[in-house]
Protein backbone atom coordinates (compact mmCIF):
# COMPACT_ATOMS: atom_id res chain seq x y z
CA MET A 1 10.73 5.44 -75.70
CA GLU A 2 13.08 5.15 -72.73
CA VAL A 3 10.20 6.00 -70.38
CA LEU A 4 8.08 3.20 -71.86
CA VAL A 5 10.88 0.68 -71.40
CA ASP A 6 11.31 1.80 -67.80
CA MET A 7 7.55 1.51 -67.17
CA ARG A 8 7.50 -1.98 -68.70
CA ASN A 9 10.34 -3.12 -66.46
CA TRP A 10 8.63 -1.81 -63.31
CA LEU A 11 5.36 -3.41 -64.37
CA ARG A 12 7.07 -6.78 -64.77
CA VAL A 13 8.43 -6.53 -61.24
CA ALA A 14 5.08 -5.43 -59.80
CA ILE A 15 3.02 -8.24 -61.32
CA ARG A 16 5.46 -11.11 -60.83
CA GLY A 17 3.96 -12.21 -57.48
CA PRO A 18 0.29 -12.14 -58.52
CA VAL A 19 1.05 -13.87 -61.83
CA LYS A 20 3.02 -16.63 -60.10
CA ALA A 21 0.18 -17.13 -57.61
CA ALA A 22 -2.36 -17.34 -60.45
CA LEU A 23 -0.18 -19.86 -62.31
CA GLU A 24 0.25 -22.00 -59.17
CA THR A 25 -3.51 -21.98 -58.56
CA ALA A 26 -4.50 -22.74 -62.14
CA LEU A 27 -1.72 -25.32 -62.62
CA PRO A 28 -1.58 -27.28 -59.35
CA ASP A 29 0.38 -30.30 -60.60
CA GLU A 30 3.29 -31.17 -62.89
CA LYS A 31 1.04 -32.60 -65.61
CA SER A 32 -1.02 -29.41 -65.97
CA ARG A 33 2.16 -27.30 -65.88
CA ALA A 34 3.77 -29.41 -68.61
CA ALA A 35 0.62 -29.11 -70.72
CA TYR A 36 0.45 -25.33 -70.20
CA GLN A 37 4.11 -24.96 -71.17
CA MET A 38 3.50 -26.86 -74.42
CA PHE A 39 0.85 -24.34 -75.53
CA ASP A 40 3.40 -22.14 -77.29
CA GLY A 41 1.27 -21.47 -80.37
CA SER A 42 2.87 -24.14 -82.52
CA THR A 43 1.57 -27.19 -80.64
CA SER A 44 -1.94 -28.50 -81.15
CA ALA A 45 -4.23 -29.55 -78.33
CA GLU A 46 -4.00 -33.12 -79.63
CA GLN A 47 -0.20 -33.06 -79.39
CA VAL A 48 -0.45 -31.72 -75.83
CA ARG A 49 -2.99 -34.41 -74.96
CA VAL A 50 -0.80 -37.24 -76.24
CA ALA A 51 2.46 -35.92 -74.76
CA CYS A 52 0.94 -35.24 -71.33
CA LYS A 53 -1.32 -38.33 -71.32
CA MET A 54 -4.44 -36.27 -70.65
CA SER A 55 -8.02 -36.75 -71.78
CA PRO A 56 -9.33 -34.46 -74.51
CA ASN A 57 -11.76 -32.92 -72.01
CA ALA A 58 -8.96 -32.20 -69.53
CA VAL A 59 -6.91 -30.39 -72.18
CA VAL A 60 -9.88 -28.30 -73.29
CA ALA A 61 -10.75 -27.52 -69.66
CA LEU A 62 -7.16 -26.48 -68.91
CA ALA A 63 -7.00 -24.19 -71.94
CA SER A 64 -10.41 -22.68 -71.17
CA ARG A 65 -9.54 -22.11 -67.51
CA CYS A 66 -6.19 -20.51 -68.36
CA THR A 67 -7.77 -18.32 -71.04
CA SER A 68 -10.48 -17.08 -68.66
CA LEU A 69 -7.81 -16.31 -66.04
CA GLY A 70 -5.73 -14.34 -68.55
CA LEU A 71 -2.90 -16.86 -68.61
CA MET A 72 -3.50 -17.89 -72.25
CA GLU A 73 -5.02 -16.31 -75.31
CA PRO A 74 -6.60 -17.85 -78.40
CA THR A 75 -4.99 -17.33 -81.78
CA VAL A 76 -6.67 -16.73 -85.12
CA GLU A 77 -6.02 -20.40 -85.97
CA LYS A 78 -8.08 -21.37 -82.88
CA LYS A 79 -5.01 -22.56 -80.99
CA SER A 80 -4.26 -21.50 -77.46
CA ILE A 81 -0.99 -19.81 -76.63
CA ARG A 82 0.47 -19.36 -73.18
CA LEU A 83 1.33 -15.84 -72.12
CA PHE A 84 3.98 -16.78 -69.56
CA ASP A 85 6.96 -19.11 -69.55
CA LEU A 86 6.81 -21.27 -66.43
CA SER A 87 10.60 -21.49 -66.28
CA ASP A 88 10.66 -17.76 -65.56
CA PHE A 89 8.72 -18.49 -62.37
CA GLY A 90 10.55 -21.68 -61.33
CA LEU A 91 7.40 -23.74 -61.87
CA LEU A 92 8.77 -26.48 -64.11
CA ALA A 93 10.03 -29.67 -62.49
CA SER A 94 12.98 -29.90 -64.90
CA THR A 95 13.89 -26.26 -64.23
CA ALA A 96 13.91 -26.79 -60.47
CA SER A 97 16.02 -29.94 -60.66
CA SER A 98 18.52 -28.43 -63.10
CA LYS A 99 18.88 -25.36 -60.89
CA SER A 100 19.49 -27.48 -57.79
CA GLY A 101 22.02 -29.57 -59.69
CA ALA A 102 23.87 -26.44 -60.75
CA ASN A 103 24.21 -25.34 -57.13
CA GLU A 104 25.85 -28.57 -55.94
């Protein structure tokens, strides 16, 4: 079991760069990043659409694109769930501003 934990930790380090690059490419602006972050498995596409002020087609396109890139996966309930937390990669506007405020 200890070997598996060690392998998992090294894998996380190894894929961090490529995953961040894929997230930045798929989510080029704050609106798409906010929408992606909301797809936590408990939020519906309609709730994401309203909160992020996006069209229904844009939300579906975002979820489809992220699923095909391996950044999201569909659930049994036909909801999309994100596989990565953008705050872990410093890709949320609120995360970046709170971090800079903490350094001052």
